[in-house]
Amino acid sequence: MSDTHKKVTPGFRSILVSEAAFDRLKKLQRLTYGHNGDPNGVRFDLKDVVSAVVLEALELEGFPNRALARTARDVFSSLDFTIPKE
């Protein structure tokens, strides 16, 4: 397979997230599952961590609506809604 074709794990899709979200997810990924200082602790792949975060969050009561409201705030605040004066 050439270098121009990336191999994608079946069932997973690449998505874009903000730098802030990516940083938080990477911090979570760096945590070791198991006891602190356990040399045999497990570190999970980022796609598995992200999938778990999304699925867990969507189970929280009211979360989908709060997430959409936050999306609207973030998107609309990044746009310039000023109307030019004639």
PDB file of N, CA and C in Angstrom:
ATOM      1  N   MET A   1       0.855  -1.174   0.000  1.00  0.00           N
ATOM      2  CA  MET A   1       0.000   0.000   0.000  1.00  0.00           C
ATOM      3  C   MET A   1       0.900   1.235   0.000  1.00  0.00           C
ATOM      4  N   SER A   2       0.563   2.237  -0.786  1.00  0.00           N
ATOM      5  CA  SER A   2       1.389   3.436  -0.882  1.00  0.00           C
ATOM      6  C   SER A   2       1.212   4.311   0.355  1.00  0.00           C
ATOM      7  N   ASP A   3       2.170   5.233   0.545  1.00  0.00           N
ATOM      8  CA  ASP A   3       2.108   6.144   1.693  1.00  0.00           C
ATOM      9  C   ASP A   3       0.957   7.127   1.589  1.00  0.00           C
ATOM     10  N   THR A   4       0.385   7.288   0.395  1.00  0.00           N
ATOM     11  CA  THR A   4      -0.708   8.243   0.223  1.00  0.00           C
ATOM     12  C   THR A   4      -2.040   7.686   0.695  1.00  0.00           C
ATOM     13  N   HIS A   5      -2.111   6.397   0.968  1.00  0.00           N
ATOM     14  CA  HIS A   5      -3.349   5.777   1.439  1.00  0.00           C
ATOM     15  C   HIS A   5      -3.181   5.374   2.892  1.00  0.00           C
ATOM     16  N   LYS A   6      -3.978   5.971   3.764  1.00  0.00           N
ATOM     17  CA  LYS A   6      -3.929   5.618   5.180  1.00  0.00           C
ATOM     18  C   LYS A   6      -4.811   4.414   5.431  1.00  0.00           C
ATOM     19  N   LYS A   7      -4.334   3.530   6.273  1.00  0.00           N
ATOM     20  CA  LYS A   7      -5.141   2.393   6.667  1.00  0.00           C
ATOM     21  C   LYS A   7      -6.040   2.829   7.818  1.00  0.00           C
ATOM     22  N   VAL A   8      -7.324   2.591   7.706  1.00  0.00           N
ATOM     23  CA  VAL A   8      -8.288   2.986   8.722  1.00  0.00           C
ATOM     24  C   VAL A   8      -8.858   1.729   9.367  1.00  0.00           C
ATOM     25  N   THR A   9      -8.894   1.740  10.676  1.00  0.00           N
ATOM     26  CA  THR A   9      -9.469   0.611  11.398  1.00  0.00           C
ATOM     27  C   THR A   9     -10.959   0.543  11.098  1.00  0.00           C
ATOM     28  N   PRO A  10     -11.472  -0.612  10.709  1.00  0.00           N
ATOM     29  CA  PRO A  10     -12.907  -0.723  10.418  1.00  0.00           C
ATOM     30  C   PRO A  10     -13.747  -0.293  11.610  1.00  0.00           C
ATOM     31  N   GLY A  11     -14.785   0.472  11.341  1.00  0.00           N
ATOM     32  CA  GLY A  11     -15.689   0.897  12.403  1.00  0.00           C
ATOM     33  C   GLY A  11     -15.308   2.222  13.028  1.00  0.00           C
ATOM     34  N   PHE A  12     -14.182   2.801  12.651  1.00  0.00           N
ATOM     35  CA  PHE A  12     -13.757   4.078  13.216  1.00  0.00           C
ATOM     36  C   PHE A  12     -13.592   5.091  12.104  1.00  0.00           C
ATOM     37  N   ARG A  13     -13.901   6.322  12.393  1.00  0.00           N
ATOM     38  CA  ARG A  13     -13.788   7.414  11.435  1.00  0.00           C
ATOM     39  C   ARG A  13     -12.929   8.515  12.029  1.00  0.00           C
ATOM     40  N   SER A  14     -12.172   9.154  11.197  1.00  0.00           N
ATOM     41  CA  SER A  14     -11.391  10.301  11.651  1.00  0.00           C
ATOM     42  C   SER A  14     -12.317  11.496  11.816  1.00  0.00           C
ATOM     43  N   ILE A  15     -12.128  12.247  12.901  1.00  0.00           N
ATOM     44  CA  ILE A  15     -12.912  13.460  13.126  1.00  0.00           C
ATOM     45  C   ILE A  15     -11.970  14.557  13.591  1.00  0.00           C
ATOM     46  N   LEU A  16     -12.408  15.776  13.435  1.00  0.00           N
ATOM     47  CA  LEU A  16     -11.637  16.912  13.902  1.00  0.00           C
ATOM     48  C   LEU A  16     -12.226  17.425  15.204  1.00  0.00           C
ATOM     49  N   VAL A  17     -11.358  17.790  16.131  1.00  0.00           N
ATOM     50  CA  VAL A  17     -11.795  18.411  17.385  1.00  0.00           C
ATOM     51  C   VAL A  17     -10.921  19.631  17.634  1.00  0.00           C
ATOM     52  N   SER A  18     -11.382  20.505  18.505  1.00  0.00           N
ATOM     53  CA  SER A  18     -10.602  21.688  18.842  1.00  0.00           C
ATOM     54  C   SER A  18      -9.323  21.278  19.576  1.00  0.00           C
ATOM     55  N   GLU A  19      -8.353  22.193  19.589  1.00  0.00           N
ATOM     56  CA  GLU A  19      -7.106  21.931  20.310  1.00  0.00           C
ATOM     57  C   GLU A  19      -7.382  21.685  21.792  1.00  0.00           C
ATOM     58  N   ALA A  20      -8.307  22.479  22.365  1.00  0.00           N
ATOM     59  CA  ALA A  20      -8.628  22.328  23.788  1.00  0.00           C
ATOM     60  C   ALA A  20      -9.197  20.935  24.073  1.00  0.00           C
ATOM     61  N   ALA A  21     -10.101  20.464  23.222  1.00  0.00           N
ATOM     62  CA  ALA A  21     -10.683  19.133  23.414  1.00  0.00           C
ATOM     63  C   ALA A  21      -9.621  18.053  23.234  1.00  0.00           C
ATOM     64  N   PHE A  22      -8.777  18.219  22.219  1.00  0.00           N
ATOM     65  CA  PHE A  22      -7.724  17.236  21.965  1.00  0.00           C
ATOM     66  C   PHE A  22      -6.768  17.156  23.150  1.00  0.00           C
ATOM     67  N   ASP A  23      -6.378  18.307  23.702  1.00  0.00           N
ATOM     68  CA  ASP A  23      -5.475  18.319  24.857  1.00  0.00           C
ATOM     69  C   ASP A  23      -6.074  17.578  26.045  1.00  0.00           C
ATOM     70  N   ARG A  24      -7.358  17.807  26.303  1.00  0.00           N
ATOM     71  CA  ARG A  24      -8.020  17.121  27.429  1.00  0.00           C
ATOM     72  C   ARG A  24      -8.105  15.618  27.191  1.00  0.00           C
ATOM     73  N   LEU A  25      -8.395  15.228  25.969  1.00  0.00           N
ATOM     74  CA  LEU A  25      -8.481  13.802  25.656  1.00  0.00           C
ATOM     75  C   LEU A  25      -7.113  13.132  25.767  1.00  0.00           C
ATOM     76  N   LYS A  26      -6.061  13.811  25.332  1.00  0.00           N
ATOM     77  CA  LYS A  26      -4.704  13.254  25.447  1.00  0.00           C
ATOM     78  C   LYS A  26      -4.315  13.093  26.923  1.00  0.00           C
ATOM     79  N   LYS A  27      -4.694  14.061  27.769  1.00  0.00           N
ATOM     80  CA  LYS A  27      -4.399  13.943  29.201  1.00  0.00           C
ATOM     81  C   LYS A  27      -5.101  12.724  29.784  1.00  0.00           C
ATOM     82  N   LEU A  28      -6.338  12.512  29.380  1.00  0.00           N
ATOM     83  CA  LEU A  28      -7.083  11.347  29.850  1.00  0.00           C
ATOM     84  C   LEU A  28      -6.422  10.062  29.365  1.00  0.00           C
ATOM     85  N   GLN A  29      -5.987  10.060  28.118  1.00  0.00           N
ATOM     86  CA  GLN A  29      -5.342   8.872  27.549  1.00  0.00           C
ATOM     87  C   GLN A  29      -4.049   8.529  28.295  1.00  0.00           C
ATOM     88  N   ARG A  30      -3.326   9.548  28.748  1.00  0.00           N
ATOM     89  CA  ARG A  30      -2.044   9.322  29.424  1.00  0.00           C
ATOM     90  C   ARG A  30      -2.205   8.678  30.795  1.00  0.00           C
ATOM     91  N   LEU A  31      -3.413   8.762  31.370  1.00  0.00           N
ATOM     92  CA  LEU A  31      -3.638   8.129  32.667  1.00  0.00           C
ATOM     93  C   LEU A  31      -3.539   6.615  32.511  1.00  0.00           C
ATOM     94  N   THR A  32      -2.981   5.989  33.515  1.00  0.00           N
ATOM     95  CA  THR A  32      -2.852   4.534  33.485  1.00  0.00           C
ATOM     96  C   THR A  32      -4.061   3.906  34.144  1.00  0.00           C
ATOM     97  N   TYR A  33      -4.663   2.921  33.478  1.00  0.00           N
ATOM     98  CA  TYR A  33      -5.781   2.190  34.046  1.00  0.00           C
ATOM     99  C   TYR A  33      -5.201   1.122  34.946  1.00  0.00           C
ATOM    100  N   GLY A  34      -5.525   1.191  36.197  1.00  0.00           N
ATOM    101  CA  GLY A  34      -4.970   0.269  37.179  1.00  0.00           C
ATOM    102  C   GLY A  34      -4.515   1.074  38.379  1.00  0.00           C
ATOM    103  N   HIS A  35      -3.661   0.507  39.186  1.00  0.00           N
ATOM    104  CA  HIS A  35      -3.159   1.192  40.385  1.00  0.00           C
ATOM    105  C   HIS A  35      -2.092   2.206  40.000  1.00  0.00           C
ATOM    106  N   ASN A  36      -2.025   3.315  40.753  1.00  0.00           N
ATOM    107  CA  ASN A  36      -0.991   4.316  40.513  1.00  0.00           C
ATOM    108  C   ASN A  36       0.390   3.692  40.638  1.00  0.00           C
ATOM    109  N   GLY A  37       1.243   4.004  39.706  1.00  0.00           N
ATOM    110  CA  GLY A  37       2.603   3.481  39.759  1.00  0.00           C
ATOM    111  C   GLY A  37       2.722   2.030  39.347  1.00  0.00           C
ATOM    112  N   ASP A  38       1.644   1.428  38.910  1.00  0.00           N
ATOM    113  CA  ASP A  38       1.660   0.023  38.504  1.00  0.00           C
ATOM    114  C   ASP A  38       2.378  -0.103  37.159  1.00  0.00           C
ATOM    115  N   PRO A  39       3.529  -0.787  37.140  1.00  0.00           N
ATOM    116  CA  PRO A  39       4.249  -0.933  35.873  1.00  0.00           C
ATOM    117  C   PRO A  39       3.478  -1.772  34.846  1.00  0.00           C
ATOM    118  N   ASN A  40       2.478  -2.489  35.327  1.00  0.00           N
ATOM    119  CA  ASN A  40       1.665  -3.316  34.429  1.00  0.00           C
ATOM    120  C   ASN A  40       0.337  -2.643  34.086  1.00  0.00           C
ATOM    121  N   GLY A  41       0.204  -1.359  34.448  1.00  0.00           N
ATOM    122  CA  GLY A  41      -1.017  -0.626  34.127  1.00  0.00           C
ATOM    123  C   GLY A  41      -1.217  -0.550  32.618  1.00  0.00           C
ATOM    124  N   VAL A  42      -2.436  -0.314  32.225  1.00  0.00           N
ATOM    125  CA  VAL A  42      -2.783  -0.301  30.806  1.00  0.00           C
ATOM    126  C   VAL A  42      -2.971   1.142  30.337  1.00  0.00           C
ATOM    127  N   ARG A  43      -2.448   1.443  29.163  1.00  0.00           N
ATOM    128  CA  ARG A  43      -2.705   2.728  28.502  1.00  0.00           C
ATOM    129  C   ARG A  43      -3.497   2.406  27.237  1.00  0.00           C
ATOM    130  N   PHE A  44      -4.609   3.105  27.066  1.00  0.00           N
ATOM    131  CA  PHE A  44      -5.501   2.805  25.956  1.00  0.00           C
ATOM    132  C   PHE A  44      -5.217   3.684  24.745  1.00  0.00           C
ATOM    133  N   ASP A  45      -5.570   3.194  23.586  1.00  0.00           N
ATOM    134  CA  ASP A  45      -5.469   3.939  22.347  1.00  0.00           C
ATOM    135  C   ASP A  45      -6.421   5.129  22.411  1.00  0.00           C
ATOM    136  N   LEU A  46      -6.037   6.239  21.806  1.00  0.00           N
ATOM    137  CA  LEU A  46      -6.851   7.449  21.868  1.00  0.00           C
ATOM    138  C   LEU A  46      -8.247   7.238  21.292  1.00  0.00           C
ATOM    139  N   LYS A  47      -8.374   6.464  20.223  1.00  0.00           N
ATOM    140  CA  LYS A  47      -9.709   6.236  19.626  1.00  0.00           C
ATOM    141  C   LYS A  47     -10.631   5.527  20.612  1.00  0.00           C
ATOM    142  N   ASP A  48     -10.082   4.651  21.432  1.00  0.00           N
ATOM    143  CA  ASP A  48     -10.902   3.953  22.420  1.00  0.00           C
ATOM    144  C   ASP A  48     -11.318   4.898  23.553  1.00  0.00           C
ATOM    145  N   VAL A  49     -10.407   5.767  23.972  1.00  0.00           N
ATOM    146  CA  VAL A  49     -10.711   6.736  25.015  1.00  0.00           C
ATOM    147  C   VAL A  49     -11.789   7.706  24.530  1.00  0.00           C
ATOM    148  N   VAL A  50     -11.612   8.243  23.322  1.00  0.00           N
ATOM    149  CA  VAL A  50     -12.570   9.201  22.775  1.00  0.00           C
ATOM    150  C   VAL A  50     -13.943   8.546  22.618  1.00  0.00           C
ATOM    151  N   SER A  51     -13.981   7.338  22.105  1.00  0.00           N
ATOM    152  CA  SER A  51     -15.256   6.635  21.941  1.00  0.00           C
ATOM    153  C   SER A  51     -15.967   6.477  23.273  1.00  0.00           C
ATOM    154  N   ALA A  52     -15.219   6.096  24.307  1.00  0.00           N
ATOM    155  CA  ALA A  52     -15.818   5.926  25.633  1.00  0.00           C
ATOM    156  C   ALA A  52     -16.335   7.249  26.182  1.00  0.00           C
ATOM    157  N   VAL A  53     -15.573   8.322  26.002  1.00  0.00           N
ATOM    158  CA  VAL A  53     -15.997   9.635  26.495  1.00  0.00           C
ATOM    159  C   VAL A  53     -17.298  10.051  25.830  1.00  0.00           C
ATOM    160  N   VAL A  54     -17.363   9.925  24.521  1.00  0.00           N
ATOM    161  CA  VAL A  54     -18.565  10.336  23.784  1.00  0.00           C
ATOM    162  C   VAL A  54     -19.764   9.493  24.200  1.00  0.00           C
ATOM    163  N   LEU A  55     -19.598   8.191  24.243  1.00  0.00           N
ATOM    164  CA  LEU A  55     -20.721   7.314  24.600  1.00  0.00           C
ATOM    165  C   LEU A  55     -21.192   7.554  26.033  1.00  0.00           C
ATOM    166  N   GLU A  56     -20.247   7.730  26.971  1.00  0.00           N
ATOM    167  CA  GLU A  56     -20.614   8.009  28.357  1.00  0.00           C
ATOM    168  C   GLU A  56     -21.343   9.343  28.468  1.00  0.00           C
ATOM    169  N   ALA A  57     -20.827  10.366  27.790  1.00  0.00           N
ATOM    170  CA  ALA A  57     -21.428  11.698  27.866  1.00  0.00           C
ATOM    171  C   ALA A  57     -22.850  11.686  27.325  1.00  0.00           C
ATOM    172  N   LEU A  58     -23.057  10.985  26.239  1.00  0.00           N
ATOM    173  CA  LEU A  58     -24.389  10.966  25.632  1.00  0.00           C
ATOM    174  C   LEU A  58     -25.416  10.220  26.476  1.00  0.00           C
ATOM    175  N   GLU A  59     -24.954   9.483  27.464  1.00  0.00           N
ATOM    176  CA  GLU A  59     -25.856   8.798  28.397  1.00  0.00           C
ATOM    177  C   GLU A  59     -26.333   9.731  29.515  1.00  0.00           C
ATOM    178  N   LEU A  60     -25.619  10.833  29.744  1.00  0.00           N
ATOM    179  CA  LEU A  60     -25.981  11.761  30.811  1.00  0.00           C
ATOM    180  C   LEU A  60     -27.273  12.496  30.466  1.00  0.00           C
ATOM    181  N   GLU A  61     -28.149  12.573  31.441  1.00  0.00           N
ATOM    182  CA  GLU A  61     -29.428  13.235  31.210  1.00  0.00           C
ATOM    183  C   GLU A  61     -29.216  14.703  30.840  1.00  0.00           C
ATOM    184  N   GLY A  62     -29.822  15.110  29.760  1.00  0.00           N
ATOM    185  CA  GLY A  62     -29.756  16.494  29.311  1.00  0.00           C
ATOM    186  C   GLY A  62     -28.481  16.870  28.563  1.00  0.00           C
ATOM    187  N   PHE A  63     -27.525  15.956  28.494  1.00  0.00           N
ATOM    188  CA  PHE A  63     -26.255  16.286  27.863  1.00  0.00           C
ATOM    189  C   PHE A  63     -26.374  16.627  26.379  1.00  0.00           C
ATOM    190  N   PRO A  64     -27.109  15.848  25.583  1.00  0.00           N
ATOM    191  CA  PRO A  64     -27.183  16.195  24.158  1.00  0.00           C
ATOM    192  C   PRO A  64     -27.661  17.629  23.908  1.00  0.00           C
ATOM    193  N   ASN A  65     -28.679  18.073  24.650  1.00  0.00           N
ATOM    194  CA  ASN A  65     -29.165  19.445  24.484  1.00  0.00           C
ATOM    195  C   ASN A  65     -28.134  20.467  24.946  1.00  0.00           C
ATOM    196  N   ARG A  66     -27.441  20.182  26.057  1.00  0.00           N
ATOM    197  CA  ARG A  66     -26.403  21.098  26.539  1.00  0.00           C
ATOM    198  C   ARG A  66     -25.249  21.172  25.545  1.00  0.00           C
ATOM    199  N   ALA A  67     -24.906  20.037  24.944  1.00  0.00           N
ATOM    200  CA  ALA A  67     -23.816  20.013  23.969  1.00  0.00           C
ATOM    201  C   ALA A  67     -24.172  20.833  22.730  1.00  0.00           C
ATOM    202  N   LEU A  68     -25.411  20.704  22.266  1.00  0.00           N
ATOM    203  CA  LEU A  68     -25.822  21.495  21.102  1.00  0.00           C
ATOM    204  C   LEU A  68     -25.869  22.980  21.432  1.00  0.00           C
ATOM    205  N   ALA A  69     -26.309  23.327  22.638  1.00  0.00           N
ATOM    206  CA  ALA A  69     -26.339  24.732  23.053  1.00  0.00           C
ATOM    207  C   ALA A  69     -24.922  25.297  23.120  1.00  0.00           C
ATOM    208  N   ARG A  70     -23.999  24.503  23.638  1.00  0.00           N
ATOM    209  CA  ARG A  70     -22.592  24.955  23.689  1.00  0.00           C
ATOM    210  C   ARG A  70     -22.031  25.111  22.287  1.00  0.00           C
ATOM    211  N   THR A  71     -22.365  24.198  21.407  1.00  0.00           N
ATOM    212  CA  THR A  71     -21.926  24.295  20.014  1.00  0.00           C
ATOM    213  C   THR A  71     -22.416  25.591  19.395  1.00  0.00           C
ATOM    214  N   ALA A  72     -23.693  25.885  19.590  1.00  0.00           N
ATOM    215  CA  ALA A  72     -24.272  27.116  19.032  1.00  0.00           C
ATOM    216  C   ALA A  72     -23.559  28.337  19.589  1.00  0.00           C
ATOM    217  N   ARG A  73     -23.322  28.377  20.913  1.00  0.00           N
ATOM    218  CA  ARG A  73     -22.620  29.515  21.518  1.00  0.00           C
ATOM    219  C   ARG A  73     -21.224  29.685  20.920  1.00  0.00           C
ATOM    220  N   ASP A  74     -20.494  28.576  20.814  1.00  0.00           N
ATOM    221  CA  ASP A  74     -19.122  28.638  20.309  1.00  0.00           C
ATOM    222  C   ASP A  74     -19.080  29.070  18.843  1.00  0.00           C
ATOM    223  N   VAL A  75     -19.971  28.491  18.035  1.00  0.00           N
ATOM    224  CA  VAL A  75     -19.975  28.825  16.606  1.00  0.00           C
ATOM    225  C   VAL A  75     -20.418  30.254  16.388  1.00  0.00           C
ATOM    226  N   PHE A  76     -21.530  30.648  17.017  1.00  0.00           N
ATOM    227  CA  PHE A  76     -22.050  31.994  16.807  1.00  0.00           C
ATOM    228  C   PHE A  76     -21.116  33.065  17.363  1.00  0.00           C
ATOM    229  N   SER A  77     -20.438  32.778  18.464  1.00  0.00           N
ATOM    230  CA  SER A  77     -19.519  33.771  19.013  1.00  0.00           C
ATOM    231  C   SER A  77     -18.283  33.932  18.130  1.00  0.00           C
ATOM    232  N   SER A  78     -17.980  32.927  17.308  1.00  0.00           N
ATOM    233  CA  SER A  78     -16.820  33.029  16.418  1.00  0.00           C
ATOM    234  C   SER A  78     -17.149  33.763  15.117  1.00  0.00           C
ATOM    235  N   LEU A  79     -18.428  33.989  14.882  1.00  0.00           N
ATOM    236  CA  LEU A  79     -18.848  34.695  13.667  1.00  0.00           C
ATOM    237  C   LEU A  79     -19.045  36.172  13.975  1.00  0.00           C
ATOM    238  N   ASP A  80     -18.850  36.994  12.976  1.00  0.00           N
ATOM    239  CA  ASP A  80     -19.057  38.437  13.144  1.00  0.00           C
ATOM    240  C   ASP A  80     -20.451  38.777  12.643  1.00  0.00           C
ATOM    241  N   PHE A  81     -21.352  39.063  13.575  1.00  0.00           N
ATOM    242  CA  PHE A  81     -22.739  39.353  13.214  1.00  0.00           C
ATOM    243  C   PHE A  81     -23.010  40.851  13.045  1.00  0.00           C
ATOM    244  N   THR A  82     -21.992  41.667  13.045  1.00  0.00           N
ATOM    245  CA  THR A  82     -22.231  43.095  12.905  1.00  0.00           C
ATOM    246  C   THR A  82     -22.683  43.402  11.483  1.00  0.00           C
ATOM    247  N   ILE A  83     -23.688  44.241  11.390  1.00  0.00           N
ATOM    248  CA  ILE A  83     -24.227  44.631  10.074  1.00  0.00           C
ATOM    249  C   ILE A  83     -23.567  45.932   9.676  1.00  0.00           C
ATOM    250  N   PRO A  84     -22.939  45.935   8.500  1.00  0.00           N
ATOM    251  CA  PRO A  84     -22.275  47.162   8.076  1.00  0.00           C
ATOM    252  C   PRO A  84     -23.279  48.298   7.923  1.00  0.00           C
ATOM    253  N   LYS A  85     -22.850  49.508   8.326  1.00  0.00           N
ATOM    254  CA  LYS A  85     -23.703  50.688   8.179  1.00  0.00           C
ATOM    255  C   LYS A  85     -23.636  51.186   6.737  1.00  0.00           C
ATOM    256  N   GLU A  86     -24.761  51.650   6.252  1.00  0.00           N
ATOM    257  CA  GLU A  86     -24.808  52.126   4.860  1.00  0.00           C
ATOM    258  C   GLU A  86     -24.325  53.539   4.753  1.00  0.00           C
TER     259      GLU A  86
END
